[in-house]
N, C-alpha and C. Protein backbone atom coordinates (compact mmCIF):
# COMPACT_ATOMS: atom_id res chain seq x y z
N UNK A 1 72.96 57.33 86.81
CA UNK A 1 72.60 58.59 87.40
C UNK A 1 71.08 58.75 87.33
N UNK A 2 70.48 59.15 88.41
CA UNK A 2 69.03 59.28 88.46
C UNK A 2 68.54 60.59 87.85
N UNK A 3 69.37 61.62 87.83
CA UNK A 3 68.98 62.90 87.26
C UNK A 3 69.63 63.06 85.88
N UNK A 4 69.08 63.98 85.09
CA UNK A 4 69.59 64.21 83.74
C UNK A 4 70.74 65.21 83.78
N UNK A 5 71.97 64.80 83.43
CA UNK A 5 73.13 65.69 83.53
C UNK A 5 73.12 66.84 82.53
N UNK A 6 72.15 66.89 81.62
CA UNK A 6 72.09 68.02 80.69
C UNK A 6 71.57 69.29 81.38
N UNK A 7 70.97 69.13 82.56
CA UNK A 7 70.47 70.28 83.31
C UNK A 7 71.55 70.81 84.25
N UNK A 8 71.47 72.09 84.60
CA UNK A 8 72.48 72.65 85.51
C UNK A 8 72.40 72.05 86.91
N UNK A 9 73.53 72.13 87.61
CA UNK A 9 73.64 71.66 88.99
C UNK A 9 74.16 72.83 89.82
N UNK A 10 73.44 73.16 90.88
CA UNK A 10 73.79 74.31 91.71
C UNK A 10 74.08 73.85 93.14
N UNK A 11 75.12 74.42 93.73
CA UNK A 11 75.43 74.19 95.14
C UNK A 11 75.01 75.43 95.90
N UNK A 12 74.16 75.24 96.91
CA UNK A 12 73.78 76.33 97.81
C UNK A 12 74.87 76.40 98.87
N UNK A 13 75.56 77.52 98.96
CA UNK A 13 76.78 77.60 99.75
C UNK A 13 76.57 77.84 101.24
N UNK A 14 75.35 78.18 101.66
CA UNK A 14 75.06 78.29 103.09
C UNK A 14 74.66 76.91 103.60
N UNK A 15 75.05 76.61 104.83
CA UNK A 15 74.69 75.31 105.39
C UNK A 15 73.19 75.22 105.63
N UNK A 16 72.65 74.02 105.49
CA UNK A 16 71.22 73.78 105.63
C UNK A 16 71.01 72.68 106.67
N UNK A 17 70.01 72.87 107.51
CA UNK A 17 69.61 71.87 108.50
C UNK A 17 69.06 70.66 107.75
N UNK A 18 69.66 69.51 107.93
CA UNK A 18 69.27 68.31 107.19
C UNK A 18 67.92 67.75 107.64
N UNK A 19 67.32 68.33 108.66
CA UNK A 19 65.96 67.93 109.03
C UNK A 19 64.93 68.54 108.08
N UNK A 20 65.36 69.50 107.28
CA UNK A 20 64.45 70.16 106.34
C UNK A 20 64.08 69.22 105.21
N UNK A 21 62.83 69.29 104.81
CA UNK A 21 62.33 68.44 103.74
C UNK A 21 62.22 69.18 102.43
N UNK A 22 61.53 68.55 101.49
CA UNK A 22 61.46 69.12 100.14
C UNK A 22 60.75 70.47 100.09
N UNK A 23 59.76 70.71 100.95
CA UNK A 23 59.06 71.99 100.93
C UNK A 23 59.98 73.14 101.32
N UNK A 24 60.75 72.97 102.40
CA UNK A 24 61.66 74.03 102.84
C UNK A 24 62.79 74.23 101.83
N UNK A 25 63.33 73.16 101.30
CA UNK A 25 64.40 73.28 100.30
C UNK A 25 63.86 73.92 99.02
N UNK A 26 62.64 73.60 98.64
CA UNK A 26 62.02 74.24 97.47
C UNK A 26 61.85 75.73 97.71
N UNK A 27 61.49 76.11 98.93
CA UNK A 27 61.37 77.53 99.28
C UNK A 27 62.72 78.23 99.13
N UNK A 28 63.79 77.60 99.59
CA UNK A 28 65.14 78.18 99.45
C UNK A 28 65.46 78.42 97.98
N UNK A 29 65.16 77.44 97.13
CA UNK A 29 65.45 77.56 95.70
C UNK A 29 64.68 78.72 95.08
N UNK A 30 63.39 78.81 95.37
CA UNK A 30 62.56 79.81 94.70
C UNK A 30 62.65 81.20 95.31
N UNK A 31 62.91 81.31 96.62
CA UNK A 31 62.89 82.62 97.27
C UNK A 31 64.27 83.16 97.65
N UNK A 32 65.20 82.32 98.01
CA UNK A 32 66.53 82.80 98.39
C UNK A 32 67.49 82.79 97.20
N UNK A 33 67.45 81.73 96.42
CA UNK A 33 68.33 81.63 95.26
C UNK A 33 67.69 82.29 94.04
N UNK A 34 66.36 82.34 94.02
CA UNK A 34 65.59 82.94 92.93
C UNK A 34 65.82 82.21 91.60
N UNK A 35 65.77 80.89 91.65
CA UNK A 35 65.87 80.07 90.44
C UNK A 35 64.60 79.25 90.28
N UNK A 36 64.38 78.75 89.08
CA UNK A 36 63.18 77.99 88.76
C UNK A 36 63.31 76.54 89.25
N UNK A 37 62.48 76.17 90.20
CA UNK A 37 62.53 74.85 90.81
C UNK A 37 62.19 73.74 89.81
N UNK A 38 61.23 73.98 88.94
CA UNK A 38 60.75 72.95 88.02
C UNK A 38 61.55 72.89 86.71
N UNK A 39 62.72 73.49 86.68
CA UNK A 39 63.53 73.56 85.45
C UNK A 39 64.25 72.26 85.13
N UNK A 40 64.34 71.35 86.10
CA UNK A 40 65.12 70.13 85.93
C UNK A 40 66.50 70.23 86.54
N UNK A 41 66.88 71.45 86.95
CA UNK A 41 68.19 71.65 87.59
C UNK A 41 68.23 70.92 88.92
N UNK A 42 69.42 70.50 89.31
CA UNK A 42 69.63 69.84 90.60
C UNK A 42 70.22 70.86 91.56
N UNK A 43 69.71 70.89 92.79
CA UNK A 43 70.17 71.82 93.82
C UNK A 43 70.75 71.01 94.97
N UNK A 44 72.01 71.27 95.31
CA UNK A 44 72.71 70.52 96.35
C UNK A 44 72.83 71.38 97.60
N UNK A 45 72.46 70.80 98.74
CA UNK A 45 72.51 71.47 100.04
C UNK A 45 73.38 70.62 100.97
N UNK A 46 74.27 71.28 101.73
CA UNK A 46 75.19 70.56 102.61
C UNK A 46 74.91 70.93 104.06
N UNK A 47 75.01 69.94 104.95
CA UNK A 47 74.82 70.15 106.39
C UNK A 47 76.01 70.89 106.99
N UNK A 48 75.78 71.57 108.11
CA UNK A 48 76.86 72.29 108.79
C UNK A 48 77.99 71.35 109.19
N UNK A 49 77.66 70.13 109.58
CA UNK A 49 78.67 69.15 109.96
C UNK A 49 79.47 68.66 108.75
N UNK A 50 78.93 68.91 107.55
CA UNK A 50 79.50 68.44 106.28
C UNK A 50 79.56 66.92 106.20
N UNK A 51 78.77 66.23 107.03
CA UNK A 51 78.68 64.77 106.99
C UNK A 51 77.48 64.30 106.16
N UNK A 52 76.61 65.23 105.77
CA UNK A 52 75.41 64.88 105.02
C UNK A 52 75.10 65.97 104.00
N UNK A 53 74.39 65.57 102.96
CA UNK A 53 73.92 66.54 101.97
C UNK A 53 72.60 66.04 101.40
N UNK A 54 71.86 66.97 100.81
CA UNK A 54 70.61 66.63 100.13
C UNK A 54 70.63 67.25 98.75
N UNK A 55 70.08 66.53 97.80
CA UNK A 55 69.93 67.02 96.44
C UNK A 55 68.44 67.04 96.11
N UNK A 56 67.99 68.15 95.53
CA UNK A 56 66.59 68.32 95.18
C UNK A 56 66.51 68.64 93.69
N UNK A 57 65.63 67.94 92.97
CA UNK A 57 65.40 68.26 91.57
C UNK A 57 64.02 67.79 91.14
N UNK A 58 63.53 68.36 90.05
CA UNK A 58 62.25 67.99 89.46
C UNK A 58 62.53 67.05 88.29
N UNK A 59 61.94 65.85 88.32
CA UNK A 59 62.22 64.85 87.29
C UNK A 59 61.19 64.83 86.16
N UNK A 60 60.31 65.84 86.12
CA UNK A 60 59.27 65.89 85.10
C UNK A 60 57.94 65.39 85.62
N UNK A 61 57.97 64.66 86.73
CA UNK A 61 56.76 64.09 87.32
C UNK A 61 56.55 64.54 88.75
N UNK A 62 57.60 64.99 89.40
CA UNK A 62 57.52 65.44 90.79
C UNK A 62 58.90 65.78 91.32
N UNK A 63 58.93 66.28 92.55
CA UNK A 63 60.21 66.61 93.17
C UNK A 63 60.87 65.35 93.71
N UNK A 64 62.17 65.24 93.50
CA UNK A 64 62.96 64.12 94.01
C UNK A 64 63.94 64.69 95.03
N UNK A 65 63.99 64.07 96.20
CA UNK A 65 64.90 64.49 97.27
C UNK A 65 65.79 63.31 97.62
N UNK A 66 67.09 63.52 97.48
CA UNK A 66 68.07 62.48 97.79
C UNK A 66 68.90 62.95 98.98
N UNK A 67 69.08 62.07 99.96
CA UNK A 67 69.85 62.39 101.16
C UNK A 67 71.05 61.45 101.21
N UNK A 68 72.24 62.02 101.28
CA UNK A 68 73.45 61.19 101.39
C UNK A 68 74.18 61.56 102.67
N UNK A 69 74.54 60.53 103.42
CA UNK A 69 75.33 60.68 104.64
C UNK A 69 76.66 59.98 104.38
N UNK A 70 77.75 60.69 104.60
CA UNK A 70 79.08 60.15 104.31
C UNK A 70 79.62 59.46 105.56
N UNK A 71 80.20 58.28 105.39
CA UNK A 71 80.71 57.51 106.54
C UNK A 71 82.06 58.01 107.04
N UNK A 72 82.96 58.28 106.11
CA UNK A 72 84.31 58.74 106.49
C UNK A 72 84.59 60.09 105.86
N UNK A 73 85.24 60.94 106.61
CA UNK A 73 85.57 62.26 106.09
C UNK A 73 84.38 63.19 106.11
N UNK A 74 84.48 64.25 105.33
CA UNK A 74 83.42 65.25 105.25
C UNK A 74 83.33 65.75 103.81
N UNK A 75 82.15 66.27 103.48
CA UNK A 75 82.01 66.94 102.19
C UNK A 75 82.81 68.23 102.25
N UNK A 76 83.26 68.69 101.09
CA UNK A 76 84.05 69.92 101.07
C UNK A 76 83.22 71.10 101.57
N UNK A 77 83.90 72.11 102.08
CA UNK A 77 83.24 73.28 102.64
C UNK A 77 82.96 74.31 101.55
N UNK A 78 81.80 74.93 101.65
CA UNK A 78 81.42 76.00 100.73
C UNK A 78 81.13 77.29 101.48
N UNK A 79 81.38 77.33 102.78
CA UNK A 79 80.98 78.46 103.61
C UNK A 79 81.70 79.76 103.26
N UNK A 80 82.89 79.70 102.71
CA UNK A 80 83.64 80.91 102.40
C UNK A 80 83.17 81.58 101.12
N UNK A 81 82.28 80.95 100.38
CA UNK A 81 81.76 81.52 99.14
C UNK A 81 80.33 81.98 99.40
N UNK A 82 80.05 83.22 99.11
CA UNK A 82 78.73 83.79 99.42
C UNK A 82 77.84 83.86 98.19
N UNK A 83 77.83 82.82 97.41
CA UNK A 83 76.99 82.77 96.23
C UNK A 83 76.62 81.32 95.93
N UNK A 84 75.73 81.17 95.01
CA UNK A 84 75.36 79.84 94.52
C UNK A 84 76.31 79.52 93.38
N UNK A 85 76.84 78.32 93.37
CA UNK A 85 77.84 77.93 92.38
C UNK A 85 77.28 76.85 91.47
N UNK A 86 77.47 77.03 90.17
CA UNK A 86 77.06 76.01 89.21
C UNK A 86 78.26 75.09 88.94
N UNK A 87 78.00 73.79 89.00
CA UNK A 87 79.04 72.80 88.72
C UNK A 87 78.52 71.83 87.66
N UNK A 88 79.39 70.97 87.17
CA UNK A 88 78.95 69.97 86.19
C UNK A 88 78.74 68.62 86.89
N UNK A 89 78.24 67.64 86.14
CA UNK A 89 77.90 66.35 86.75
C UNK A 89 79.14 65.60 87.24
N UNK A 90 80.28 65.75 86.58
CA UNK A 90 81.51 65.11 87.07
C UNK A 90 81.94 65.69 88.41
N UNK A 91 81.83 67.01 88.55
CA UNK A 91 82.18 67.65 89.82
C UNK A 91 81.21 67.24 90.92
N UNK A 92 79.92 67.09 90.57
CA UNK A 92 78.94 66.62 91.55
C UNK A 92 79.31 65.23 92.06
N UNK A 93 79.65 64.33 91.15
CA UNK A 93 80.00 62.97 91.56
C UNK A 93 81.25 62.97 92.44
N UNK A 94 82.20 63.83 92.13
CA UNK A 94 83.41 63.95 92.94
C UNK A 94 83.06 64.43 94.35
N UNK A 95 82.20 65.45 94.45
CA UNK A 95 81.77 65.96 95.76
C UNK A 95 81.03 64.87 96.53
N UNK A 96 80.10 64.18 95.88
CA UNK A 96 79.31 63.14 96.57
C UNK A 96 80.16 61.97 97.04
N UNK A 97 81.31 61.79 96.42
CA UNK A 97 82.23 60.73 96.85
C UNK A 97 83.28 61.24 97.83
N UNK A 98 83.07 62.45 98.36
CA UNK A 98 83.97 62.99 99.38
C UNK A 98 85.16 63.74 98.84
N UNK A 99 85.21 63.97 97.53
CA UNK A 99 86.33 64.67 96.92
C UNK A 99 86.20 66.17 96.98
N UNK A 100 87.22 66.84 96.50
CA UNK A 100 87.27 68.30 96.46
C UNK A 100 87.28 68.75 95.00
N UNK A 101 86.67 69.90 94.73
CA UNK A 101 86.78 70.50 93.40
C UNK A 101 87.38 71.89 93.56
N UNK A 102 88.18 72.32 92.59
CA UNK A 102 88.70 73.69 92.65
C UNK A 102 87.59 74.66 92.26
N UNK A 103 87.12 75.46 93.20
CA UNK A 103 85.99 76.33 92.94
C UNK A 103 86.28 77.40 91.91
N UNK A 104 87.53 77.77 91.72
CA UNK A 104 87.86 78.77 90.70
C UNK A 104 87.61 78.22 89.30
N UNK A 105 87.55 76.90 89.15
CA UNK A 105 87.33 76.27 87.85
C UNK A 105 85.95 75.63 87.75
N UNK A 106 85.06 75.95 88.69
CA UNK A 106 83.79 75.23 88.73
C UNK A 106 82.70 75.86 87.88
N UNK A 107 83.05 76.77 87.02
CA UNK A 107 82.05 77.30 86.10
C UNK A 107 81.41 78.58 86.56
N UNK A 108 80.25 78.83 86.04
CA UNK A 108 79.50 80.06 86.23
C UNK A 108 79.12 80.25 87.69
N UNK A 109 79.23 81.46 88.17
CA UNK A 109 78.82 81.80 89.53
C UNK A 109 77.54 82.64 89.46
N UNK A 110 76.62 82.38 90.34
CA UNK A 110 75.36 83.11 90.37
C UNK A 110 75.20 83.74 91.74
N UNK A 111 75.02 85.03 91.78
CA UNK A 111 74.88 85.73 93.06
C UNK A 111 73.53 85.42 93.69
N UNK A 112 73.52 85.34 94.99
CA UNK A 112 72.27 85.16 95.73
C UNK A 112 71.46 86.44 95.71
N UNK A 113 70.17 86.32 95.66
CA UNK A 113 69.28 87.47 95.80
C UNK A 113 69.13 87.74 97.29
N UNK A 114 69.48 88.90 97.74
CA UNK A 114 69.38 89.24 99.18
C UNK A 114 68.61 90.51 99.36
């Protein structure tokens, strides 16, 4: 794993245009989600097509942006949840491999600042 699993992992539940880079995603973290970008936490963003996702985190030296495009199937949908959801590293790996997680058991929920 390239990131440290001791830090929180957050899923941004609104779809994000995958053409967006680290600056725009960093803006979403700091202004829409209202969380600390440089905390070491990983932030996961999913495309509307659910065929791609991006993960953004600070590794202590700079921002790291990972883009994953899935060949078969789609990433699970988060559109019905209107908040940012915290998950653990096992749930992240399940999502990145095209699996589903039960959101009722996915841990702490954090409301979006609107």
